[in-house]
Amino acid sequence: MLAQNVEQLNDKIVIFGERVDDINANFQQLQGELKLIDQRNSKLEGDLEDQNLKLNNEIKNIEVRLDEQQKTSSTMQDSIRENNDIDKKQNLEIDELQKTVKNLQDRLKQLAQLPA
């Protein structure tokens, strides 16, 4: 009976050992899969970082172009204001010249009416 119990215990120990081996094999397989996942994750993180750098550079380029366009727009607005000021001055000068011409024409008419 003791021998039978020892044999049953040995059988259970063998079965337990096989289960431990299976668990170890599964654990190693899971470790391998986890390593692959970590590698993929690292690659994805690197790709994401590269994309972020590219996007940040594009944003900076857009900001620079926008700033340049705003400066150009401001310069154009200044030029338009200057041209408007010049136009106003020229219109005033034209008005003055027209008044002078009218006055001269009126004087010529008056002189023409004087007896010779």
Protein backbone atom coordinates (compact mmCIF):
# COMPACT_ATOMS: atom_id res chain seq x y z
CA MET A 1 0.00 0.00 0.00
CA LEU A 2 2.80 2.34 0.84
CA ALA A 3 4.47 1.47 -2.44
CA GLN A 4 1.22 2.16 -4.24
CA ASN A 5 0.88 5.55 -2.51
CA VAL A 6 4.48 6.39 -3.35
CA GLU A 7 3.85 5.42 -6.97
CA GLN A 8 0.69 7.56 -7.11
CA LEU A 9 2.60 10.42 -5.53
CA ASN A 10 5.38 9.98 -8.11
CA ASP A 11 2.77 9.99 -10.90
CA LYS A 12 1.28 13.19 -9.51
CA ILE A 13 4.75 14.72 -9.22
CA VAL A 14 5.42 13.81 -12.88
CA ILE A 15 2.07 15.31 -13.93
CA PHE A 16 2.82 18.39 -11.81
CA GLY A 17 6.28 18.64 -13.42
CA GLU A 18 4.74 18.41 -16.90
CA ARG A 19 2.28 21.15 -16.01
CA VAL A 20 5.12 23.31 -14.69
CA ASP A 21 7.00 22.68 -17.97
CA ASP A 22 3.88 23.68 -19.95
CA ILE A 23 3.49 26.82 -17.84
CA ASN A 24 7.17 27.67 -18.37
CA ALA A 25 6.81 27.12 -22.13
CA ASN A 26 3.72 29.35 -22.23
CA PHE A 27 5.50 31.94 -20.11
CA GLN A 28 8.48 31.96 -22.49
CA GLN A 29 6.14 32.26 -25.48
CA LEU A 30 4.35 35.18 -23.80
CA GLN A 31 7.71 36.80 -23.03
CA GLY A 32 8.65 36.48 -26.71
CA GLU A 33 5.33 38.02 -27.78
CA LEU A 34 5.76 40.79 -25.24
CA LYS A 35 9.24 41.49 -26.61
CA LEU A 36 7.80 41.76 -30.14
CA ILE A 37 5.06 44.06 -28.88
CA ASP A 38 7.68 46.23 -27.13
CA GLN A 39 9.72 46.41 -30.35
CA ARG A 40 6.66 47.42 -32.38
CA ASN A 41 5.69 49.93 -29.72
CA SER A 42 9.19 51.44 -29.77
CA LYS A 43 9.05 51.70 -33.56
CA LEU A 44 5.62 53.33 -33.41
CA GLU A 45 6.86 55.78 -30.77
CA GLY A 46 9.83 56.64 -32.99
CA ASP A 47 7.56 57.09 -36.01
CA LEU A 48 5.21 59.25 -33.95
CA GLU A 49 8.10 61.38 -32.73
CA ASP A 50 9.33 61.82 -36.32
CA GLN A 51 5.84 62.82 -37.44
CA ASN A 52 5.56 65.30 -34.57
CA LEU A 53 8.89 66.86 -35.53
CA LYS A 54 7.78 67.14 -39.15
CA LEU A 55 4.46 68.68 -38.13
CA ASN A 56 6.18 71.12 -35.78
CA ASN A 57 8.55 72.16 -38.59
CA GLU A 58 5.61 72.61 -40.97
CA ILE A 59 3.79 74.69 -38.36
CA LYS A 60 6.88 76.87 -37.87
CA ASN A 61 7.21 77.31 -41.64
CA ILE A 62 3.55 78.28 -41.89
CA GLU A 63 3.97 80.75 -39.01
CA VAL A 64 7.00 82.31 -40.74
CA ARG A 65 5.11 82.59 -44.04
CA LEU A 66 2.09 84.05 -42.25
CA ASP A 67 4.30 86.60 -40.52
CA GLU A 68 5.90 87.54 -43.85
CA GLN A 69 2.47 87.86 -45.46
CA GLN A 70 1.26 90.05 -42.61
CA LYS A 71 4.32 92.28 -43.03
CA THR A 72 3.70 92.46 -46.78
CA SER A 73 0.04 93.28 -46.18
CA SER A 74 0.99 95.99 -43.70
CA THR A 75 3.49 97.47 -46.17
CA MET A 76 0.84 97.44 -48.90
CA GLN A 77 -1.66 99.16 -46.61
CA ASP A 78 0.94 101.82 -45.78
CA SER A 79 1.59 102.34 -49.49
CA ILE A 80 -2.13 102.63 -50.19
CA ARG A 81 -2.48 105.24 -47.42
CA GLU A 82 0.49 107.17 -48.81
CA ASN A 83 -0.99 107.03 -52.31
CA ASN A 84 -4.34 108.24 -50.97
CA ASP A 85 -2.58 111.13 -49.23
CA ILE A 86 -0.75 111.99 -52.46
CA ASP A 87 -4.04 111.81 -54.39
CA LYS A 88 -5.70 114.16 -51.90
CA LYS A 89 -2.81 116.64 -52.19
CA GLN A 90 -2.88 116.44 -55.97
CA ASN A 91 -6.65 116.96 -55.99
CA LEU A 92 -6.23 120.04 -53.78
CA GLU A 93 -3.52 121.36 -56.13
CA ILE A 94 -5.77 120.71 -59.13
CA ASP A 95 -8.62 122.56 -57.40
CA GLU A 96 -6.29 125.50 -56.70
CA LEU A 97 -5.05 125.51 -60.30
CA GLN A 98 -8.63 125.42 -61.60
CA LYS A 99 -9.52 128.39 -59.38
CA THR A 100 -6.45 130.26 -60.60
CA VAL A 101 -7.32 129.50 -64.24
CA LYS A 102 -10.92 130.66 -63.67
CA ASN A 103 -9.68 133.86 -62.02
CA LEU A 104 -7.31 134.48 -64.93
CA GLN A 105 -10.11 133.85 -67.42
CA ASP A 106 -12.35 136.29 -65.56
CA ARG A 107 -9.59 138.93 -65.62
CA LEU A 108 -9.05 138.35 -69.32
CA LYS A 109 -12.75 138.90 -69.92
CA GLN A 110 -12.60 142.08 -67.87
CA LEU A 111 -9.54 143.27 -69.77
CA ALA A 112 -11.21 142.47 -73.06
CA GLN A 113 -14.16 144.67 -72.11
CA LEU A 114 -11.96 147.69 -71.38
CA PRO A 115 -11.94 150.33 -74.10
CA ALA A 116 -8.86 150.28 -76.20
